[in-house]
Amino acid sequence: MTGNISPIQALELAVLLTMLAATLYAIWRGRKQRSTLAAYMQAYRRGDYEIALQIAEGFGERGAITRSYCFHHGSSLLQLGRLDEAETWLRQSVSLSRRDEARQSGPAEIERQIKLTALGSSTLGQLYLEQSRYDEALACFEESLRDWPDRGATHRSIAELWLRRGNVAEALKWARLAIVKEKSSKPLSKKTGDMNFAEELATLAWAVAEASKDREQVDKLLARAIPLAKIGVSTKAQVHYHAGCAYAALGDTHKSTEYFARAASIDRLGRWGRAARNRAASLMASRGEASSF
């Protein structure tokens, strides 16, 4: 009869409809993930880490725990100072990234996934740095560099680690190398490149201050760094915090306190604001002044 279809045709139609549904779902999921990421980054960059943490729920996929879910949860919790929770999520993020590497096909996708793994390792290293777990932090940074050897931001993190440990020569070497790597690599975007370069210049200024007490060079480096830190509360606060560290190393406690105060006012909820408040209060106490932090 006209209009009847055979069982084979019915099966073929069912397969086509299934494939169409899968394609439409993949498109919808991709758009949803991009929308979630955009909203997350907006909240994160303006320093609303609690809001960012809530938005990160959108990285879950049908209740599944994904790399993005773990990484963005961990990053937000790190900023909020909830370090034990952050460690759990960031460690899982790295583990899932390693798993996802094996699932990629094509050199471009494999390279992208490897860089995501490197970013996760570096962020976990930042958490350990926050806790003064320096050996574990260094291991994470070294693992990140094995995956992404040209990333200037990871070289900068190692410079900061050596500054915190008091090894000025190593800090200066890694801070300078961070600048070289940043200049020679292609950033993900101009905004990201400017943010990274600002952080690297500020860390180099701190290292120079510790190594040579060369105030003129410190002033020049910070004069370049601060205007570049236009986007992102965390980056702005970090640059001002490291400027404060540089002037503290030069013995200018008043100027260092000013920079710490600026960092604290910029980043009221995040890690650099907390660090700046602690340093400013300590410096003011050393001068016999009452702390307003």
C-alpha atoms as a PDB file:
ATOM      1  CA  MET A   1       0.000   0.000   0.000  1.00  0.00           C
ATOM      2  CA  THR A   2       1.045   3.568  -0.710  1.00  0.00           C
ATOM      3  CA  GLY A   3       2.524   5.231   2.360  1.00  0.00           C
ATOM      4  CA  ASN A   4       3.672   2.003   3.966  1.00  0.00           C
ATOM      5  CA  ILE A   5       7.393   1.640   4.691  1.00  0.00           C
ATOM      6  CA  SER A   6       9.370  -1.497   5.095  1.00  0.00           C
ATOM      7  CA  PRO A   7      10.988  -2.526   8.413  1.00  0.00           C
ATOM      8  CA  ILE A   8      14.405  -1.664   6.949  1.00  0.00           C
ATOM      9  CA  GLN A   9      13.221   1.788   5.960  1.00  0.00           C
ATOM     10  CA  ALA A  10      11.709   2.289   9.400  1.00  0.00           C
ATOM     11  CA  LEU A  11      15.019   1.313  10.992  1.00  0.00           C
ATOM     12  CA  GLU A  12      16.931   3.699   8.731  1.00  0.00           C
ATOM     13  CA  LEU A  13      14.523   6.508   9.621  1.00  0.00           C
ATOM     14  CA  ALA A  14      14.911   5.796  13.335  1.00  0.00           C
ATOM     15  CA  VAL A  15      18.709   5.905  13.003  1.00  0.00           C
ATOM     16  CA  LEU A  16      18.533   9.217  11.121  1.00  0.00           C
ATOM     17  CA  LEU A  17      16.217  10.722  13.744  1.00  0.00           C
ATOM     18  CA  THR A  18      18.523   9.527  16.518  1.00  0.00           C
ATOM     19  CA  MET A  19      21.531  11.048  14.783  1.00  0.00           C
ATOM     20  CA  LEU A  20      19.639  14.318  14.277  1.00  0.00           C
ATOM     21  CA  ALA A  21      18.631  14.420  17.944  1.00  0.00           C
ATOM     22  CA  ALA A  22      22.228  13.763  19.004  1.00  0.00           C
ATOM     23  CA  THR A  23      23.487  16.542  16.737  1.00  0.00           C
ATOM     24  CA  LEU A  24      20.907  19.020  18.005  1.00  0.00           C
ATOM     25  CA  TYR A  25      21.740  18.104  21.607  1.00  0.00           C
ATOM     26  CA  ALA A  26      25.462  18.578  20.960  1.00  0.00           C
ATOM     27  CA  ILE A  27      24.792  22.032  19.486  1.00  0.00           C
ATOM     28  CA  TRP A  28      22.563  22.979  22.437  1.00  0.00           C
ATOM     29  CA  ARG A  29      25.095  21.675  24.934  1.00  0.00           C
ATOM     30  CA  GLY A  30      27.935  23.592  23.287  1.00  0.00           C
ATOM     31  CA  ARG A  31      25.964  26.831  23.356  1.00  0.00           C
ATOM     32  CA  LYS A  32      24.973  26.257  26.974  1.00  0.00           C
ATOM     33  CA  GLN A  33      28.591  25.609  27.991  1.00  0.00           C
ATOM     34  CA  ARG A  34      29.790  28.761  26.213  1.00  0.00           C
ATOM     35  CA  SER A  35      27.032  30.791  27.835  1.00  0.00           C
ATOM     36  CA  THR A  36      27.878  29.384  31.254  1.00  0.00           C
ATOM     37  CA  LEU A  37      31.583  30.064  30.769  1.00  0.00           C
ATOM     38  CA  ALA A  38      30.911  33.663  29.729  1.00  0.00           C
ATOM     39  CA  ALA A  39      28.721  34.269  32.775  1.00  0.00           C
ATOM     40  CA  TYR A  40      31.250  32.572  35.056  1.00  0.00           C
ATOM     41  CA  MET A  41      34.163  34.629  33.744  1.00  0.00           C
ATOM     42  CA  GLN A  42      32.220  37.875  34.111  1.00  0.00           C
ATOM     43  CA  ALA A  43      31.486  37.122  37.766  1.00  0.00           C
ATOM     44  CA  TYR A  44      35.003  35.842  38.450  1.00  0.00           C
ATOM     45  CA  ARG A  45      36.735  38.815  36.828  1.00  0.00           C
ATOM     46  CA  ARG A  46      34.701  41.325  38.796  1.00  0.00           C
ATOM     47  CA  GLY A  47      35.556  39.490  42.029  1.00  0.00           C
ATOM     48  CA  ASP A  48      32.110  38.005  42.743  1.00  0.00           C
ATOM     49  CA  TYR A  49      33.487  34.588  43.607  1.00  0.00           C
ATOM     50  CA  GLU A  50      30.362  33.383  45.419  1.00  0.00           C
ATOM     51  CA  ILE A  51      28.305  34.159  42.307  1.00  0.00           C
ATOM     52  CA  ALA A  52      30.940  32.479  40.142  1.00  0.00           C
ATOM     53  CA  LEU A  53      30.724  29.392  42.355  1.00  0.00           C
ATOM     54  CA  GLN A  54      26.962  29.237  41.850  1.00  0.00           C
ATOM     55  CA  ILE A  55      27.299  29.685  38.084  1.00  0.00           C
ATOM     56  CA  ALA A  56      29.874  26.866  38.018  1.00  0.00           C
ATOM     57  CA  GLU A  57      27.011  24.462  38.782  1.00  0.00           C
ATOM     58  CA  GLY A  58      26.104  24.897  35.130  1.00  0.00           C
ATOM     59  CA  PHE A  59      29.257  23.053  34.089  1.00  0.00           C
ATOM     60  CA  GLY A  60      27.724  19.824  35.348  1.00  0.00           C
ATOM     61  CA  GLU A  61      26.451  17.610  32.563  1.00  0.00           C
ATOM     62  CA  ARG A  62      23.258  15.689  33.403  1.00  0.00           C
ATOM     63  CA  GLY A  63      24.524  15.420  36.953  1.00  0.00           C
ATOM     64  CA  ALA A  64      27.948  14.173  35.849  1.00  0.00           C
ATOM     65  CA  ILE A  65      31.172  15.590  37.297  1.00  0.00           C
ATOM     66  CA  THR A  66      33.173  17.096  34.439  1.00  0.00           C
ATOM     67  CA  ARG A  67      36.636  18.633  34.250  1.00  0.00           C
ATOM     68  CA  SER A  68      35.138  22.096  33.793  1.00  0.00           C
ATOM     69  CA  TYR A  69      32.842  21.595  36.772  1.00  0.00           C
ATOM     70  CA  CYS A  70      35.771  20.595  39.001  1.00  0.00           C
ATOM     71  CA  PHE A  71      38.173  23.271  37.736  1.00  0.00           C
ATOM     72  CA  HIS A  72      35.790  26.210  38.038  1.00  0.00           C
ATOM     73  CA  HIS A  73      34.525  25.066  41.430  1.00  0.00           C
ATOM     74  CA  GLY A  74      38.080  24.675  42.678  1.00  0.00           C
ATOM     75  CA  SER A  75      39.203  28.036  41.292  1.00  0.00           C
ATOM     76  CA  SER A  76      36.315  29.877  42.952  1.00  0.00           C
ATOM     77  CA  LEU A  77      36.843  28.101  46.267  1.00  0.00           C
ATOM     78  CA  LEU A  78      40.549  28.973  46.146  1.00  0.00           C
ATOM     79  CA  GLN A  79      39.674  32.653  45.853  1.00  0.00           C
ATOM     80  CA  LEU A  80      37.192  32.359  48.719  1.00  0.00           C
ATOM     81  CA  GLY A  81      39.824  30.810  50.983  1.00  0.00           C
ATOM     82  CA  ARG A  82      38.021  27.462  51.261  1.00  0.00           C
ATOM     83  CA  LEU A  83      41.273  25.689  50.560  1.00  0.00           C
ATOM     84  CA  ASP A  84      40.505  22.131  51.656  1.00  0.00           C
ATOM     85  CA  GLU A  85      37.448  22.007  49.405  1.00  0.00           C
ATOM     86  CA  ALA A  86      39.354  23.696  46.590  1.00  0.00           C
ATOM     87  CA  GLU A  87      42.097  21.086  46.756  1.00  0.00           C
ATOM     88  CA  THR A  88      39.606  18.246  46.360  1.00  0.00           C
ATOM     89  CA  TRP A  89      38.049  19.784  43.241  1.00  0.00           C
ATOM     90  CA  LEU A  90      41.312  20.878  41.641  1.00  0.00           C
ATOM     91  CA  ARG A  91      42.948  17.481  42.138  1.00  0.00           C
ATOM     92  CA  GLN A  92      39.916  15.865  40.521  1.00  0.00           C
ATOM     93  CA  SER A  93      40.088  18.402  37.688  1.00  0.00           C
ATOM     94  CA  VAL A  94      43.654  17.358  36.862  1.00  0.00           C
ATOM     95  CA  SER A  95      42.727  13.685  37.043  1.00  0.00           C
ATOM     96  CA  LEU A  96      39.772  14.135  34.692  1.00  0.00           C
ATOM     97  CA  SER A  97      41.891  16.208  32.310  1.00  0.00           C
ATOM     98  CA  ARG A  98      44.392  13.353  32.030  1.00  0.00           C
ATOM     99  CA  ARG A  99      41.528  10.977  31.288  1.00  0.00           C
ATOM    100  CA  ASP A 100      40.088  13.324  28.673  1.00  0.00           C
ATOM    101  CA  GLU A 101      43.447  13.576  26.872  1.00  0.00           C
ATOM    102  CA  ALA A 102      43.127   9.936  25.847  1.00  0.00           C
ATOM    103  CA  ARG A 103      39.656  10.567  24.408  1.00  0.00           C
ATOM    104  CA  GLN A 104      40.667  13.323  21.980  1.00  0.00           C
ATOM    105  CA  SER A 105      41.244  12.779  18.281  1.00  0.00           C
ATOM    106  CA  GLY A 106      43.269  15.066  16.056  1.00  0.00           C
ATOM    107  CA  PRO A 107      46.393  17.001  17.018  1.00  0.00           C
ATOM    108  CA  ALA A 108      44.592  20.310  17.626  1.00  0.00           C
ATOM    109  CA  GLU A 109      42.128  18.823  20.131  1.00  0.00           C
ATOM    110  CA  ILE A 110      44.861  16.819  21.851  1.00  0.00           C
ATOM    111  CA  GLU A 111      47.011  19.941  22.218  1.00  0.00           C
ATOM    112  CA  ARG A 112      44.044  21.897  23.582  1.00  0.00           C
ATOM    113  CA  GLN A 113      43.306  19.212  26.165  1.00  0.00           C
ATOM    114  CA  ILE A 114      46.946  19.000  27.222  1.00  0.00           C
ATOM    115  CA  LYS A 115      46.954  22.768  27.820  1.00  0.00           C
ATOM    116  CA  LEU A 116      43.808  22.448  29.912  1.00  0.00           C
ATOM    117  CA  THR A 117      45.581  19.820  31.987  1.00  0.00           C
ATOM    118  CA  ALA A 118      48.564  22.151  32.381  1.00  0.00           C
ATOM    119  CA  LEU A 119      46.271  24.948  33.533  1.00  0.00           C
ATOM    120  CA  GLY A 120      44.705  22.650  36.114  1.00  0.00           C
ATOM    121  CA  SER A 121      48.112  21.581  37.444  1.00  0.00           C
ATOM    122  CA  SER A 122      49.255  25.193  37.670  1.00  0.00           C
ATOM    123  CA  THR A 123      46.116  26.251  39.552  1.00  0.00           C
ATOM    124  CA  LEU A 124      46.557  23.372  41.983  1.00  0.00           C
ATOM    125  CA  GLY A 125      50.119  24.600  42.466  1.00  0.00           C
ATOM    126  CA  GLN A 126      48.750  28.046  43.316  1.00  0.00           C
ATOM    127  CA  LEU A 127      46.620  26.471  46.025  1.00  0.00           C
ATOM    128  CA  TYR A 128      49.647  24.721  47.522  1.00  0.00           C
ATOM    129  CA  LEU A 129      51.561  27.999  47.327  1.00  0.00           C
ATOM    130  CA  GLU A 130      48.759  29.629  49.311  1.00  0.00           C
ATOM    131  CA  GLN A 131      49.226  26.963  51.981  1.00  0.00           C
ATOM    132  CA  SER A 132      53.071  27.247  51.974  1.00  0.00           C
ATOM    133  CA  ARG A 133      53.278  23.647  50.738  1.00  0.00           C
ATOM    134  CA  TYR A 134      56.188  24.613  48.549  1.00  0.00           C
ATOM    135  CA  ASP A 135      57.475  21.209  47.463  1.00  0.00           C
ATOM    136  CA  GLU A 136      54.015  20.144  46.308  1.00  0.00           C
ATOM    137  CA  ALA A 137      53.495  23.498  44.583  1.00  0.00           C
ATOM    138  CA  LEU A 138      56.786  23.180  42.712  1.00  0.00           C
ATOM    139  CA  ALA A 139      55.913  19.647  41.614  1.00  0.00           C
ATOM    140  CA  CYS A 140      52.615  20.934  40.177  1.00  0.00           C
ATOM    141  CA  PHE A 141      54.314  23.804  38.350  1.00  0.00           C
ATOM    142  CA  GLU A 142      56.944  21.482  36.910  1.00  0.00           C
ATOM    143  CA  GLU A 143      54.237  19.073  35.757  1.00  0.00           C
ATOM    144  CA  SER A 144      52.395  21.991  34.151  1.00  0.00           C
ATOM    145  CA  LEU A 145      55.539  23.065  32.295  1.00  0.00           C
ATOM    146  CA  ARG A 146      56.073  19.561  30.953  1.00  0.00           C
ATOM    147  CA  ASP A 147      52.648  19.856  29.307  1.00  0.00           C
ATOM    148  CA  TRP A 148      52.907  23.520  28.329  1.00  0.00           C
ATOM    149  CA  PRO A 149      56.594  24.539  28.387  1.00  0.00           C
ATOM    150  CA  ASP A 150      56.113  28.000  26.852  1.00  0.00           C
ATOM    151  CA  ARG A 151      53.513  29.286  29.318  1.00  0.00           C
ATOM    152  CA  GLY A 152      55.001  32.401  30.909  1.00  0.00           C
ATOM    153  CA  ALA A 153      52.437  32.466  33.729  1.00  0.00           C
ATOM    154  CA  THR A 154      53.726  29.166  35.125  1.00  0.00           C
ATOM    155  CA  HIS A 155      57.319  30.436  35.056  1.00  0.00           C
ATOM    156  CA  ARG A 156      56.044  33.452  36.982  1.00  0.00           C
ATOM    157  CA  SER A 157      54.455  31.187  39.587  1.00  0.00           C
ATOM    158  CA  ILE A 158      57.788  29.434  40.118  1.00  0.00           C
ATOM    159  CA  ALA A 159      59.451  32.842  40.564  1.00  0.00           C
ATOM    160  CA  GLU A 160      56.898  33.717  43.224  1.00  0.00           C
ATOM    161  CA  LEU A 161      57.493  30.394  44.945  1.00  0.00           C
ATOM    162  CA  TRP A 162      61.234  31.105  45.211  1.00  0.00           C
ATOM    163  CA  LEU A 163      60.546  34.611  46.473  1.00  0.00           C
ATOM    164  CA  ARG A 164      58.404  33.163  49.237  1.00  0.00           C
ATOM    165  CA  ARG A 165      61.113  30.657  50.060  1.00  0.00           C
ATOM    166  CA  GLY A 166      63.796  33.367  50.142  1.00  0.00           C
ATOM    167  CA  ASN A 167      65.863  32.120  47.193  1.00  0.00           C
ATOM    168  CA  VAL A 168      66.269  35.461  45.417  1.00  0.00           C
ATOM    169  CA  ALA A 169      68.652  34.249  42.700  1.00  0.00           C
ATOM    170  CA  GLU A 170      66.247  31.520  41.559  1.00  0.00           C
ATOM    171  CA  ALA A 171      63.312  33.923  41.780  1.00  0.00           C
ATOM    172  CA  LEU A 172      65.047  36.483  39.572  1.00  0.00           C
ATOM    173  CA  LYS A 173      65.975  33.814  37.019  1.00  0.00           C
ATOM    174  CA  TRP A 174      62.429  32.495  36.732  1.00  0.00           C
ATOM    175  CA  ALA A 175      60.856  35.963  36.726  1.00  0.00           C
ATOM    176  CA  ARG A 176      63.037  37.017  33.800  1.00  0.00           C
ATOM    177  CA  LEU A 177      62.314  33.759  32.006  1.00  0.00           C
ATOM    178  CA  ALA A 178      58.584  34.361  32.443  1.00  0.00           C
ATOM    179  CA  ILE A 179      58.920  37.650  30.554  1.00  0.00           C
ATOM    180  CA  VAL A 180      60.890  35.977  27.753  1.00  0.00           C
ATOM    181  CA  LYS A 181      58.316  33.182  27.411  1.00  0.00           C
ATOM    182  CA  GLU A 182      55.397  35.616  27.442  1.00  0.00           C
ATOM    183  CA  LYS A 183      56.913  37.745  24.689  1.00  0.00           C
ATOM    184  CA  SER A 184      57.673  34.751  22.482  1.00  0.00           C
ATOM    185  CA  SER A 185      54.370  32.913  22.864  1.00  0.00           C
ATOM    186  CA  LYS A 186      50.963  33.558  21.337  1.00  0.00           C
ATOM    187  CA  PRO A 187      48.394  34.363  24.051  1.00  0.00           C
ATOM    188  CA  LEU A 188      44.888  32.937  23.998  1.00  0.00           C
ATOM    189  CA  SER A 189      43.695  36.538  23.585  1.00  0.00           C
ATOM    190  CA  LYS A 190      45.107  40.058  23.920  1.00  0.00           C
ATOM    191  CA  LYS A 191      43.269  40.470  27.225  1.00  0.00           C
ATOM    192  CA  THR A 192      44.818  37.289  28.599  1.00  0.00           C
ATOM    193  CA  GLY A 193      48.238  38.310  27.311  1.00  0.00           C
ATOM    194  CA  ASP A 194      48.014  41.719  28.991  1.00  0.00           C
ATOM    195  CA  MET A 195      46.878  40.194  32.271  1.00  0.00           C
ATOM    196  CA  ASN A 196      49.699  37.658  32.286  1.00  0.00           C
ATOM    197  CA  PHE A 197      52.308  40.241  31.315  1.00  0.00           C
ATOM    198  CA  ALA A 198      51.145  42.593  34.071  1.00  0.00           C
ATOM    199  CA  GLU A 199      51.506  39.834  36.677  1.00  0.00           C
ATOM    200  CA  GLU A 200      54.918  38.839  35.333  1.00  0.00           C
ATOM    201  CA  LEU A 201      56.256  42.401  35.346  1.00  0.00           C
ATOM    202  CA  ALA A 202      55.062  42.925  38.925  1.00  0.00           C
ATOM    203  CA  THR A 203      56.688  39.688  40.070  1.00  0.00           C
ATOM    204  CA  LEU A 204      59.923  40.699  38.341  1.00  0.00           C
ATOM    205  CA  ALA A 205      59.766  44.066  40.140  1.00  0.00           C
ATOM    206  CA  TRP A 206      59.512  42.222  43.474  1.00  0.00           C
ATOM    207  CA  ALA A 207      62.443  39.967  42.537  1.00  0.00           C
ATOM    208  CA  VAL A 208      64.579  42.947  41.455  1.00  0.00           C
ATOM    209  CA  ALA A 209      63.784  44.743  44.703  1.00  0.00           C
ATOM    210  CA  GLU A 210      64.883  41.726  46.722  1.00  0.00           C
ATOM    211  CA  ALA A 211      67.996  41.078  44.607  1.00  0.00           C
ATOM    212  CA  SER A 212      69.486  44.512  43.960  1.00  0.00           C
ATOM    213  CA  LYS A 213      67.373  47.149  45.759  1.00  0.00           C
ATOM    214  CA  ASP A 214      67.307  49.009  42.432  1.00  0.00           C
ATOM    215  CA  ARG A 215      64.393  51.367  43.019  1.00  0.00           C
ATOM    216  CA  GLU A 216      64.601  52.990  39.598  1.00  0.00           C
ATOM    217  CA  GLN A 217      64.192  49.611  37.894  1.00  0.00           C
ATOM    218  CA  VAL A 218      61.362  48.653  40.238  1.00  0.00           C
ATOM    219  CA  ASP A 219      59.541  51.902  39.473  1.00  0.00           C
ATOM    220  CA  LYS A 220      59.917  51.326  35.724  1.00  0.00           C
ATOM    221  CA  LEU A 221      58.646  47.755  35.862  1.00  0.00           C
ATOM    222  CA  LEU A 222      55.598  48.692  37.913  1.00  0.00           C
ATOM    223  CA  ALA A 223      54.886  51.701  35.690  1.00  0.00           C
ATOM    224  CA  ARG A 224      54.522  49.167  32.859  1.00  0.00           C
ATOM    225  CA  ALA A 225      52.650  46.541  34.865  1.00  0.00           C
ATOM    226  CA  ILE A 226      49.881  48.537  36.519  1.00  0.00           C
ATOM    227  CA  PRO A 227      48.314  50.038  33.343  1.00  0.00           C
ATOM    228  CA  LEU A 228      48.159  46.552  31.797  1.00  0.00           C
ATOM    229  CA  ALA A 229      46.145  45.189  34.725  1.00  0.00           C
ATOM    230  CA  LYS A 230      42.867  46.577  33.419  1.00  0.00           C
ATOM    231  CA  ILE A 231      40.760  43.439  33.425  1.00  0.00           C
ATOM    232  CA  GLY A 232      40.073  41.152  36.329  1.00  0.00           C
ATOM    233  CA  VAL A 233      39.912  42.009  39.998  1.00  0.00           C
ATOM    234  CA  SER A 234      42.295  39.186  40.864  1.00  0.00           C
ATOM    235  CA  THR A 235      44.955  40.363  38.404  1.00  0.00           C
ATOM    236  CA  LYS A 236      44.669  44.013  39.493  1.00  0.00           C
ATOM    237  CA  ALA A 237      44.953  43.047  43.147  1.00  0.00           C
ATOM    238  CA  GLN A 238      47.842  40.656  42.510  1.00  0.00           C
ATOM    239  CA  VAL A 239      49.829  43.331  40.672  1.00  0.00           C
ATOM    240  CA  HIS A 240      49.255  45.834  43.491  1.00  0.00           C
ATOM    241  CA  TYR A 241      50.093  43.207  46.112  1.00  0.00           C
ATOM    242  CA  HIS A 242      53.395  42.385  44.423  1.00  0.00           C
ATOM    243  CA  ALA A 243      54.108  46.103  44.100  1.00  0.00           C
ATOM    244  CA  GLY A 244      53.627  46.317  47.849  1.00  0.00           C
ATOM    245  CA  CYS A 245      56.033  43.424  48.331  1.00  0.00           C
ATOM    246  CA  ALA A 246      58.591  45.176  46.106  1.00  0.00           C
ATOM    247  CA  TYR A 247      58.495  48.431  48.048  1.00  0.00           C
ATOM    248  CA  ALA A 248      58.580  46.543  51.337  1.00  0.00           C
ATOM    249  CA  ALA A 249      61.806  44.899  50.117  1.00  0.00           C
ATOM    250  CA  LEU A 250      63.142  48.378  49.337  1.00  0.00           C
ATOM    251  CA  GLY A 251      62.351  49.470  52.885  1.00  0.00           C
ATOM    252  CA  ASP A 252      59.631  51.929  51.862  1.00  0.00           C
ATOM    253  CA  THR A 253      56.950  50.782  54.287  1.00  0.00           C
ATOM    254  CA  HIS A 254      54.635  53.726  53.628  1.00  0.00           C
ATOM    255  CA  LYS A 255      54.485  53.125  49.859  1.00  0.00           C
ATOM    256  CA  SER A 256      54.196  49.381  50.333  1.00  0.00           C
ATOM    257  CA  THR A 257      51.288  49.912  52.743  1.00  0.00           C
ATOM    258  CA  GLU A 258      49.579  52.113  50.127  1.00  0.00           C
ATOM    259  CA  TYR A 259      49.828  49.350  47.528  1.00  0.00           C
ATOM    260  CA  PHE A 260      48.622  46.718  49.968  1.00  0.00           C
ATOM    261  CA  ALA A 261      45.673  48.954  50.849  1.00  0.00           C
ATOM    262  CA  ARG A 262      44.798  49.329  47.167  1.00  0.00           C
ATOM    263  CA  ALA A 263      44.989  45.567  46.631  1.00  0.00           C
ATOM    264  CA  ALA A 264      42.746  44.999  49.648  1.00  0.00           C
ATOM    265  CA  SER A 265      40.149  47.493  48.386  1.00  0.00           C
ATOM    266  CA  ILE A 266      40.220  46.049  44.857  1.00  0.00           C
ATOM    267  CA  ASP A 267      39.834  42.411  45.896  1.00  0.00           C
ATOM    268  CA  ARG A 268      37.573  42.367  48.929  1.00  0.00           C
ATOM    269  CA  LEU A 269      36.689  38.679  48.737  1.00  0.00           C
ATOM    270  CA  GLY A 270      39.678  37.035  47.059  1.00  0.00           C
ATOM    271  CA  ARG A 271      43.069  35.661  47.973  1.00  0.00           C
ATOM    272  CA  TRP A 272      45.111  38.731  47.052  1.00  0.00           C
ATOM    273  CA  GLY A 273      42.880  41.019  49.077  1.00  0.00           C
ATOM    274  CA  ARG A 274      43.298  38.782  52.119  1.00  0.00           C
ATOM    275  CA  ALA A 275      47.065  38.625  51.671  1.00  0.00           C
ATOM    276  CA  ALA A 276      47.237  42.400  51.246  1.00  0.00           C
ATOM    277  CA  ARG A 277      45.180  43.072  54.379  1.00  0.00           C
ATOM    278  CA  ASN A 278      47.470  40.831  56.409  1.00  0.00           C
ATOM    279  CA  ARG A 279      50.649  42.496  55.094  1.00  0.00           C
ATOM    280  CA  ALA A 280      49.268  46.024  55.529  1.00  0.00           C
ATOM    281  CA  ALA A 281      48.164  45.312  59.090  1.00  0.00           C
ATOM    282  CA  SER A 282      51.578  43.845  59.906  1.00  0.00           C
ATOM    283  CA  LEU A 283      53.422  46.860  58.472  1.00  0.00           C
ATOM    284  CA  MET A 284      51.196  49.328  60.284  1.00  0.00           C
ATOM    285  CA  ALA A 285      51.674  47.462  63.535  1.00  0.00           C
ATOM    286  CA  SER A 286      55.461  47.598  63.039  1.00  0.00           C
ATOM    287  CA  ARG A 287      55.175  51.399  62.877  1.00  0.00           C
ATOM    288  CA  GLY A 288      52.967  51.509  65.941  1.00  0.00           C
ATOM    289  CA  GLU A 289      49.920  52.529  63.928  1.00  0.00           C
ATOM    290  CA  ALA A 290      46.408  51.242  64.450  1.00  0.00           C
ATOM    291  CA  SER A 291      45.280  48.975  61.651  1.00  0.00           C
ATOM    292  CA  SER A 292      42.106  49.719  59.731  1.00  0.00           C
ATOM    293  CA  PHE A 293      42.129  46.265  58.087  1.00  0.00           C
END
